[in-house]
PDB file of N, CA and C in Angstrom:
ATOM      1  N   ASP A   1       0.595  -0.909  -0.286  1.00  0.00           N
ATOM      2  CA  ASP A   1       0.148   0.168   0.002  1.00  0.00           C
ATOM      3  C   ASP A   1       1.241   1.428   0.153  1.00  0.00           C
ATOM      4  N   ARG A   2       1.961   1.477   0.810  1.00  0.00           N
ATOM      5  CA  ARG A   2       2.618   2.293   1.108  1.00  0.00           C
ATOM      6  C   ARG A   2       3.789   2.939  -0.577  1.00  0.00           C
ATOM      7  N   LEU A   3       3.854   1.282  -1.346  1.00  0.00           N
ATOM      8  CA  LEU A   3       4.350   2.121  -2.343  1.00  0.00           C
ATOM      9  C   LEU A   3       3.473   2.624  -3.101  1.00  0.00           C
ATOM     10  N   LYS A   4       2.176   2.059  -3.498  1.00  0.00           N
ATOM     11  CA  LYS A   4       1.070   3.015  -4.211  1.00  0.00           C
ATOM     12  C   LYS A   4       1.407   4.573  -4.379  1.00  0.00           C
ATOM     13  N   GLU A   5       1.297   4.565  -2.593  1.00  0.00           N
ATOM     14  CA  GLU A   5       1.085   6.074  -2.472  1.00  0.00           C
ATOM     15  C   GLU A   5       3.151   6.777  -2.532  1.00  0.00           C
ATOM     16  N   HIS A   6       3.753   6.350  -2.993  1.00  0.00           N
ATOM     17  CA  HIS A   6       5.079   6.144  -3.693  1.00  0.00           C
ATOM     18  C   HIS A   6       4.915   7.731  -4.770  1.00  0.00           C
ATOM     19  N   ARG A   7       5.863   8.863  -4.465  1.00  0.00           N
ATOM     20  CA  ARG A   7       5.728   9.182  -6.188  1.00  0.00           C
ATOM     21  C   ARG A   7       5.884   9.091  -7.630  1.00  0.00           C
ATOM     22  N   ASN A   8       7.431   8.467  -6.808  1.00  0.00           N
ATOM     23  CA  ASN A   8       7.547   7.936  -8.465  1.00  0.00           C
ATOM     24  C   ASN A   8       8.312   6.457  -8.155  1.00  0.00           C
ATOM     25  N   PRO A   9       6.943   5.020  -8.301  1.00  0.00           N
ATOM     26  CA  PRO A   9       7.217   3.713  -7.394  1.00  0.00           C
ATOM     27  C   PRO A   9       8.284   3.301  -8.167  1.00  0.00           C
ATOM     28  N   ASP A  10       8.954   3.809  -9.556  1.00  0.00           N
ATOM     29  CA  ASP A  10       9.793   3.470 -10.617  1.00  0.00           C
ATOM     30  C   ASP A  10      10.773   3.104  -9.803  1.00  0.00           C
ATOM     31  N   ASP A  11      11.197   4.027  -8.936  1.00  0.00           N
ATOM     32  CA  ASP A  11      13.151   4.487  -8.599  1.00  0.00           C
ATOM     33  C   ASP A  11      13.049   4.050  -7.334  1.00  0.00           C
ATOM     34  N   LEU A  12      12.071   2.705  -7.232  1.00  0.00           N
ATOM     35  CA  LEU A  12      12.669   2.045  -5.678  1.00  0.00           C
ATOM     36  C   LEU A  12      13.179   0.947  -5.656  1.00  0.00           C
ATOM     37  N   ILE A  13      13.603   0.108  -5.116  1.00  0.00           N
ATOM     38  CA  ILE A  13      14.864  -0.403  -4.685  1.00  0.00           C
ATOM     39  C   ILE A  13      13.810  -1.718  -4.039  1.00  0.00           C
ATOM     40  N   ALA A  14      13.905  -2.583  -3.725  1.00  0.00           N
ATOM     41  CA  ALA A  14      13.730  -2.904  -2.096  1.00  0.00           C
ATOM     42  C   ALA A  14      14.582  -3.856  -2.355  1.00  0.00           C
ATOM     43  N   GLY A  15      15.900  -4.965  -1.490  1.00  0.00           N
ATOM     44  CA  GLY A  15      16.589  -5.735  -0.766  1.00  0.00           C
ATOM     45  C   GLY A  15      15.863  -7.253  -0.453  1.00  0.00           C
ATOM     46  N   ILE A  16      16.482  -8.110  -0.470  1.00  0.00           N
ATOM     47  CA  ILE A  16      15.603  -9.348   0.132  1.00  0.00           C
ATOM     48  C   ILE A  16      16.725  -9.733   0.733  1.00  0.00           C
ATOM     49  N   ARG A  17      17.458  -9.920   1.791  1.00  0.00           N
ATOM     50  CA  ARG A  17      18.758 -10.394   2.513  1.00  0.00           C
ATOM     51  C   ARG A  17      18.383 -12.453   2.507  1.00  0.00           C
ATOM     52  N   PRO A  18      19.885 -13.030   2.322  1.00  0.00           N
ATOM     53  CA  PRO A  18      19.762 -14.215   2.263  1.00  0.00           C
ATOM     54  C   PRO A  18      19.331 -15.256   3.198  1.00  0.00           C
ATOM     55  N   GLU A  19      19.393 -15.298   4.394  1.00  0.00           N
ATOM     56  CA  GLU A  19      18.790 -14.874   5.603  1.00  0.00           C
ATOM     57  C   GLU A  19      17.039 -15.288   5.640  1.00  0.00           C
ATOM     58  N   HIS A  20      16.352 -13.776   4.537  1.00  0.00           N
ATOM     59  CA  HIS A  20      14.914 -14.114   4.920  1.00  0.00           C
ATOM     60  C   HIS A  20      14.339 -14.913   3.695  1.00  0.00           C
ATOM     61  N   LEU A  21      14.581 -15.912   3.776  1.00  0.00           N
ATOM     62  CA  LEU A  21      14.506 -16.894   2.713  1.00  0.00           C
ATOM     63  C   LEU A  21      14.493 -18.475   3.663  1.00  0.00           C
ATOM     64  N   GLU A  22      13.285 -18.924   3.626  1.00  0.00           N
ATOM     65  CA  GLU A  22      13.408 -20.168   3.942  1.00  0.00           C
ATOM     66  C   GLU A  22      12.095 -21.400   2.923  1.00  0.00           C
ATOM     67  N   ASP A  23      13.470 -22.657   2.923  1.00  0.00           N
ATOM     68  CA  ASP A  23      12.390 -24.030   2.954  1.00  0.00           C
ATOM     69  C   ASP A  23      11.688 -24.142   3.121  1.00  0.00           C
ATOM     70  N   ALA A  24      10.616 -23.638   2.099  1.00  0.00           N
ATOM     71  CA  ALA A  24       8.612 -23.720   2.355  1.00  0.00           C
ATOM     72  C   ALA A  24       8.249 -24.254   3.000  1.00  0.00           C
ATOM     73  N   ALA A  25       8.812 -26.373   3.668  1.00  0.00           N
ATOM     74  CA  ALA A  25       9.125 -27.416   3.210  1.00  0.00           C
ATOM     75  C   ALA A  25       8.909 -27.576   4.573  1.00  0.00           C
ATOM     76  N   ILE A  26       9.637 -27.523   5.116  1.00  0.00           N
ATOM     77  CA  ILE A  26      10.467 -27.473   6.732  1.00  0.00           C
ATOM     78  C   ILE A  26       9.504 -26.429   8.076  1.00  0.00           C
ATOM     79  N   ILE A  27       8.478 -25.284   7.229  1.00  0.00           N
ATOM     80  CA  ILE A  27       8.449 -24.539   8.303  1.00  0.00           C
ATOM     81  C   ILE A  27       6.790 -24.489   8.936  1.00  0.00           C
ATOM     82  N   ASP A  28       6.180 -24.499   9.998  1.00  0.00           N
ATOM     83  CA  ASP A  28       5.276 -24.637  10.049  1.00  0.00           C
ATOM     84  C   ASP A  28       4.016 -24.341   9.166  1.00  0.00           C
ATOM     85  N   ALA A  29       2.936 -25.112   8.994  1.00  0.00           N
ATOM     86  CA  ALA A  29       1.522 -24.307   8.701  1.00  0.00           C
ATOM     87  C   ALA A  29       1.274 -22.793   8.902  1.00  0.00           C
ATOM     88  N   TYR A  30       1.928 -22.518   9.820  1.00  0.00           N
ATOM     89  CA  TYR A  30       0.619 -20.715   9.870  1.00  0.00           C
ATOM     90  C   TYR A  30       1.998 -20.508   8.920  1.00  0.00           C
ATOM     91  N   ALA A  31       2.618 -20.116   9.311  1.00  0.00           N
ATOM     92  CA  ALA A  31       3.800 -19.524   8.703  1.00  0.00           C
ATOM     93  C   ALA A  31       3.983 -19.824   6.936  1.00  0.00           C
ATOM     94  N   ARG A  32       4.044 -20.819   6.988  1.00  0.00           N
ATOM     95  CA  ARG A  32       3.187 -21.145   5.502  1.00  0.00           C
ATOM     96  C   ARG A  32       2.523 -20.238   4.557  1.00  0.00           C
ATOM     97  N   ILE A  33       1.664 -20.363   5.617  1.00  0.00           N
ATOM     98  CA  ILE A  33       0.183 -19.487   5.348  1.00  0.00           C
ATOM     99  C   ILE A  33       0.218 -17.426   5.000  1.00  0.00           C
ATOM    100  N   ARG A  34       1.445 -17.051   5.455  1.00  0.00           N
ATOM    101  CA  ARG A  34       1.114 -16.125   5.492  1.00  0.00           C
ATOM    102  C   ARG A  34       2.476 -15.542   5.203  1.00  0.00           C
ATOM    103  N   SER A  35       3.357 -16.362   4.361  1.00  0.00           N
ATOM    104  CA  SER A  35       4.715 -15.923   3.324  1.00  0.00           C
ATOM    105  C   SER A  35       3.923 -15.979   1.587  1.00  0.00           C
ATOM    106  N   LEU A  36       5.128 -15.748   1.126  1.00  0.00           N
ATOM    107  CA  LEU A  36       5.036 -15.839  -0.221  1.00  0.00           C
ATOM    108  C   LEU A  36       6.107 -17.134  -0.619  1.00  0.00           C
ATOM    109  N   VAL A  37       5.570 -18.473  -1.615  1.00  0.00           N
ATOM    110  CA  VAL A  37       6.299 -19.285  -1.722  1.00  0.00           C
ATOM    111  C   VAL A  37       6.042 -19.504  -3.374  1.00  0.00           C
ATOM    112  N   PHE A  38       7.136 -19.744  -3.800  1.00  0.00           N
ATOM    113  CA  PHE A  38       7.343 -20.151  -5.199  1.00  0.00           C
ATOM    114  C   PHE A  38       8.394 -20.840  -5.134  1.00  0.00           C
ATOM    115  N   ASP A  39       8.308 -21.569  -6.718  1.00  0.00           N
ATOM    116  CA  ASP A  39       9.490 -23.259  -6.505  1.00  0.00           C
ATOM    117  C   ASP A  39      10.597 -22.221  -7.842  1.00  0.00           C
ATOM    118  N   VAL A  40      12.137 -23.378  -7.128  1.00  0.00           N
ATOM    119  CA  VAL A  40      13.016 -22.609  -8.032  1.00  0.00           C
ATOM    120  C   VAL A  40      13.519 -24.478  -7.845  1.00  0.00           C
ATOM    121  N   THR A  41      15.260 -24.438  -8.960  1.00  0.00           N
ATOM    122  CA  THR A  41      15.980 -25.172  -9.451  1.00  0.00           C
ATOM    123  C   THR A  41      17.408 -24.683  -8.311  1.00  0.00           C
ATOM    124  N   VAL A  42      17.792 -25.293  -7.444  1.00  0.00           N
ATOM    125  CA  VAL A  42      18.990 -24.733  -7.276  1.00  0.00           C
ATOM    126  C   VAL A  42      20.142 -25.625  -7.822  1.00  0.00           C
ATOM    127  N   GLU A  43      20.566 -24.465  -7.795  1.00  0.00           N
ATOM    128  CA  GLU A  43      21.815 -24.749  -9.060  1.00  0.00           C
ATOM    129  C   GLU A  43      22.879 -24.816  -8.276  1.00  0.00           C
ATOM    130  N   MET A  44      23.520 -23.933  -7.139  1.00  0.00           N
ATOM    131  CA  MET A  44      24.549 -24.852  -6.107  1.00  0.00           C
ATOM    132  C   MET A  44      24.069 -24.995  -4.830  1.00  0.00           C
ATOM    133  N   VAL A  45      24.472 -25.687  -3.744  1.00  0.00           N
ATOM    134  CA  VAL A  45      24.623 -25.388  -2.861  1.00  0.00           C
ATOM    135  C   VAL A  45      26.189 -25.471  -1.829  1.00  0.00           C
ATOM    136  N   GLU A  46      26.560 -23.975  -0.844  1.00  0.00           N
ATOM    137  CA  GLU A  46      27.769 -23.633  -0.523  1.00  0.00           C
ATOM    138  C   GLU A  46      27.495 -23.649   1.624  1.00  0.00           C
ATOM    139  N   SER A  47      28.133 -24.726   1.243  1.00  0.00           N
ATOM    140  CA  SER A  47      28.010 -24.976   2.517  1.00  0.00           C
ATOM    141  C   SER A  47      29.718 -24.036   3.192  1.00  0.00           C
ATOM    142  N   LEU A  48      29.234 -23.254   4.078  1.00  0.00           N
ATOM    143  CA  LEU A  48      30.326 -22.235   4.804  1.00  0.00           C
ATOM    144  C   LEU A  48      29.792 -22.484   7.127  1.00  0.00           C
ATOM    145  N   GLY A  49      30.858 -23.791   6.834  1.00  0.00           N
ATOM    146  CA  GLY A  49      30.053 -23.794   8.430  1.00  0.00           C
ATOM    147  C   GLY A  49      28.476 -24.433   8.720  1.00  0.00           C
ATOM    148  N   ALA A  50      27.598 -23.866  10.161  1.00  0.00           N
ATOM    149  CA  ALA A  50      26.613 -24.176   9.991  1.00  0.00           C
ATOM    150  C   ALA A  50      25.831 -23.903   8.835  1.00  0.00           C
ATOM    151  N   ASP A  51      25.945 -22.781   8.318  1.00  0.00           N
ATOM    152  CA  ASP A  51      24.971 -22.297   7.446  1.00  0.00           C
ATOM    153  C   ASP A  51      25.663 -22.335   5.887  1.00  0.00           C
ATOM    154  N   LYS A  52      24.298 -23.112   5.129  1.00  0.00           N
ATOM    155  CA  LYS A  52      23.951 -23.310   3.888  1.00  0.00           C
ATOM    156  C   LYS A  52      23.690 -21.860   2.762  1.00  0.00           C
ATOM    157  N   TYR A  53      24.064 -21.575   2.044  1.00  0.00           N
ATOM    158  CA  TYR A  53      23.893 -20.467   1.481  1.00  0.00           C
ATOM    159  C   TYR A  53      23.648 -21.681  -0.577  1.00  0.00           C
ATOM    160  N   VAL A  54      22.373 -21.316  -0.670  1.00  0.00           N
ATOM    161  CA  VAL A  54      21.289 -22.146  -2.105  1.00  0.00           C
ATOM    162  C   VAL A  54      21.347 -20.589  -3.207  1.00  0.00           C
ATOM    163  N   TYR A  55      21.720 -21.002  -3.758  1.00  0.00           N
ATOM    164  CA  TYR A  55      21.838 -20.360  -5.616  1.00  0.00           C
ATOM    165  C   TYR A  55      20.845 -20.731  -5.758  1.00  0.00           C
ATOM    166  N   PHE A  56      20.159 -20.146  -6.888  1.00  0.00           N
ATOM    167  CA  PHE A  56      19.538 -20.120  -7.973  1.00  0.00           C
ATOM    168  C   PHE A  56      18.823 -19.111  -8.752  1.00  0.00           C
ATOM    169  N   GLY A  57      18.061 -20.060 -10.141  1.00  0.00           N
ATOM    170  CA  GLY A  57      17.365 -18.109  -9.851  1.00  0.00           C
ATOM    171  C   GLY A  57      15.765 -18.505  -9.986  1.00  0.00           C
ATOM    172  N   VAL A  58      15.566 -17.133 -10.780  1.00  0.00           N
ATOM    173  CA  VAL A  58      13.983 -16.955 -11.142  1.00  0.00           C
ATOM    174  C   VAL A  58      13.939 -16.459 -13.036  1.00  0.00           C
ATOM    175  N   ASP A  59      12.495 -16.992 -12.593  1.00  0.00           N
ATOM    176  CA  ASP A  59      12.065 -16.266 -14.431  1.00  0.00           C
ATOM    177  C   ASP A  59      11.615 -15.401 -13.837  1.00  0.00           C
ATOM    178  N   GLY A  60      11.972 -14.727 -15.683  1.00  0.00           N
ATOM    179  CA  GLY A  60      10.536 -12.775 -14.701  1.00  0.00           C
ATOM    180  C   GLY A  60      11.279 -11.549 -15.163  1.00  0.00           C
ATOM    181  N   PRO A  61      11.067 -10.633 -15.487  1.00  0.00           N
ATOM    182  CA  PRO A  61      11.533 -10.135 -16.126  1.00  0.00           C
ATOM    183  C   PRO A  61      13.340  -9.181 -15.233  1.00  0.00           C
ATOM    184  N   ALA A  62      14.131  -9.035 -15.018  1.00  0.00           N
ATOM    185  CA  ALA A  62      15.027  -7.967 -13.755  1.00  0.00           C
ATOM    186  C   ALA A  62      14.481  -7.007 -13.706  1.00  0.00           C
ATOM    187  N   ALA A  63      15.581  -6.805 -12.797  1.00  0.00           N
ATOM    188  CA  ALA A  63      15.229  -5.734 -12.366  1.00  0.00           C
ATOM    189  C   ALA A  63      16.609  -4.833 -12.158  1.00  0.00           C
ATOM    190  N   GLU A  64      15.648  -3.327 -13.538  1.00  0.00           N
ATOM    191  CA  GLU A  64      16.869  -2.550 -14.180  1.00  0.00           C
ATOM    192  C   GLU A  64      16.552  -1.174 -13.313  1.00  0.00           C
ATOM    193  N   ALA A  65      17.862  -1.067 -13.161  1.00  0.00           N
ATOM    194  CA  ALA A  65      18.854   0.227 -12.484  1.00  0.00           C
ATOM    195  C   ALA A  65      20.225   0.316 -12.246  1.00  0.00           C
ATOM    196  N   VAL A  66      21.075   1.757 -12.356  1.00  0.00           N
ATOM    197  CA  VAL A  66      22.009   1.780 -13.027  1.00  0.00           C
ATOM    198  C   VAL A  66      23.418   1.306 -11.235  1.00  0.00           C
ATOM    199  N   GLN A  67      22.547   1.227 -10.618  1.00  0.00           N
ATOM    200  CA  GLN A  67      23.597   0.697  -9.203  1.00  0.00           C
ATOM    201  C   GLN A  67      23.785  -1.138  -9.607  1.00  0.00           C
ATOM    202  N   LEU A  68      22.632  -1.361 -10.518  1.00  0.00           N
ATOM    203  CA  LEU A  68      22.372  -2.836 -10.081  1.00  0.00           C
ATOM    204  C   LEU A  68      23.458  -3.748 -11.874  1.00  0.00           C
ATOM    205  N   ALA A  69      23.660  -2.480 -12.420  1.00  0.00           N
ATOM    206  CA  ALA A  69      23.776  -3.139 -14.126  1.00  0.00           C
ATOM    207  C   ALA A  69      26.194  -3.236 -13.027  1.00  0.00           C
ATOM    208  N   GLU A  70      25.851  -1.828 -12.764  1.00  0.00           N
ATOM    209  CA  GLU A  70      27.279  -1.430 -12.559  1.00  0.00           C
ATOM    210  C   GLU A  70      27.484  -2.772 -11.361  1.00  0.00           C
ATOM    211  N   VAL A  71      27.224  -3.722 -10.579  1.00  0.00           N
ATOM    212  CA  VAL A  71      27.580  -4.956  -9.849  1.00  0.00           C
ATOM    213  C   VAL A  71      27.437  -5.066 -10.413  1.00  0.00           C
ATOM    214  N   ALA A  72      26.021  -5.463 -11.573  1.00  0.00           N
ATOM    215  CA  ALA A  72      26.486  -7.587 -12.374  1.00  0.00           C
ATOM    216  C   ALA A  72      27.216  -6.856 -13.477  1.00  0.00           C
ATOM    217  N   THR A  73      27.543  -6.180 -13.704  1.00  0.00           N
ATOM    218  CA  THR A  73      29.181  -6.386 -14.673  1.00  0.00           C
ATOM    219  C   THR A  73      30.477  -6.408 -14.271  1.00  0.00           C
ATOM    220  N   GLU A  74      30.608  -6.158 -12.676  1.00  0.00           N
ATOM    221  CA  GLU A  74      31.816  -6.472 -12.042  1.00  0.00           C
ATOM    222  C   GLU A  74      31.050  -7.592 -11.492  1.00  0.00           C
ATOM    223  N   SER A  75      30.453  -8.677 -11.332  1.00  0.00           N
ATOM    224  CA  SER A  75      30.619  -9.850 -10.263  1.00  0.00           C
ATOM    225  C   SER A  75      30.080 -10.887 -11.145  1.00  0.00           C
ATOM    226  N   ALA A  76      29.867 -10.365 -12.457  1.00  0.00           N
ATOM    227  CA  ALA A  76      29.578 -11.275 -14.011  1.00  0.00           C
ATOM    228  C   ALA A  76      28.382 -12.876 -13.865  1.00  0.00           C
ATOM    229  N   VAL A  77      27.608 -12.477 -12.823  1.00  0.00           N
ATOM    230  CA  VAL A  77      25.823 -13.211 -11.903  1.00  0.00           C
ATOM    231  C   VAL A  77      25.608 -13.099 -12.593  1.00  0.00           C
ATOM    232  N   GLY A  78      24.121 -14.317 -13.540  1.00  0.00           N
ATOM    233  CA  GLY A  78      22.837 -13.877 -13.998  1.00  0.00           C
ATOM    234  C   GLY A  78      22.682 -12.400 -13.603  1.00  0.00           C
ATOM    235  N   GLU A  79      21.331 -12.615 -14.142  1.00  0.00           N
ATOM    236  CA  GLU A  79      20.470 -10.975 -14.003  1.00  0.00           C
ATOM    237  C   GLU A  79      19.907 -11.285 -13.352  1.00  0.00           C
ATOM    238  N   ASN A  80      19.455 -12.633 -12.929  1.00  0.00           N
ATOM    239  CA  ASN A  80      17.359 -13.412 -11.540  1.00  0.00           C
ATOM    240  C   ASN A  80      18.863 -14.066 -10.773  1.00  0.00           C
ATOM    241  N   GLU A  81      19.858 -13.567 -11.045  1.00  0.00           N
ATOM    242  CA  GLU A  81      20.474 -14.694  -9.334  1.00  0.00           C
ATOM    243  C   GLU A  81      19.952 -14.152  -8.624  1.00  0.00           C
ATOM    244  N   PHE A  82      19.800 -14.919  -7.606  1.00  0.00           N
ATOM    245  CA  PHE A  82      19.573 -15.286  -6.235  1.00  0.00           C
ATOM    246  C   PHE A  82      20.011 -16.250  -5.595  1.00  0.00           C
ATOM    247  N   VAL A  83      20.542 -15.899  -3.950  1.00  0.00           N
ATOM    248  CA  VAL A  83      21.361 -16.637  -2.679  1.00  0.00           C
ATOM    249  C   VAL A  83      19.657 -16.518  -1.452  1.00  0.00           C
ATOM    250  N   ALA A  84      19.979 -17.604  -0.782  1.00  0.00           N
ATOM    251  CA  ALA A  84      19.433 -18.261   0.268  1.00  0.00           C
ATOM    252  C   ALA A  84      19.790 -18.724   1.105  1.00  0.00           C
ATOM    253  N   ARG A  85      20.067 -18.265   2.853  1.00  0.00           N
ATOM    254  CA  ARG A  85      20.959 -19.084   3.870  1.00  0.00           C
ATOM    255  C   ARG A  85      19.248 -20.030   4.269  1.00  0.00           C
TER     256      ARG A  85
END
């Protein structure tokens, strides 16, 4: 709702941290109801001690911003590449 009120909603970028993503198969039913659930194909799992980082891509249009273009050029990562912890 607040996005609709923003003067230039196309100028906003929202970030999601890897630790805010969870495997829907292991969360309780109430949390699943309140959550956004989507299917992905895991491309790589990186084990870092007690943490595991899961890399996956998503279909759909990529976000476009000058800052994101600079990061993509430097990192050589695909347009719709995500990481979950």
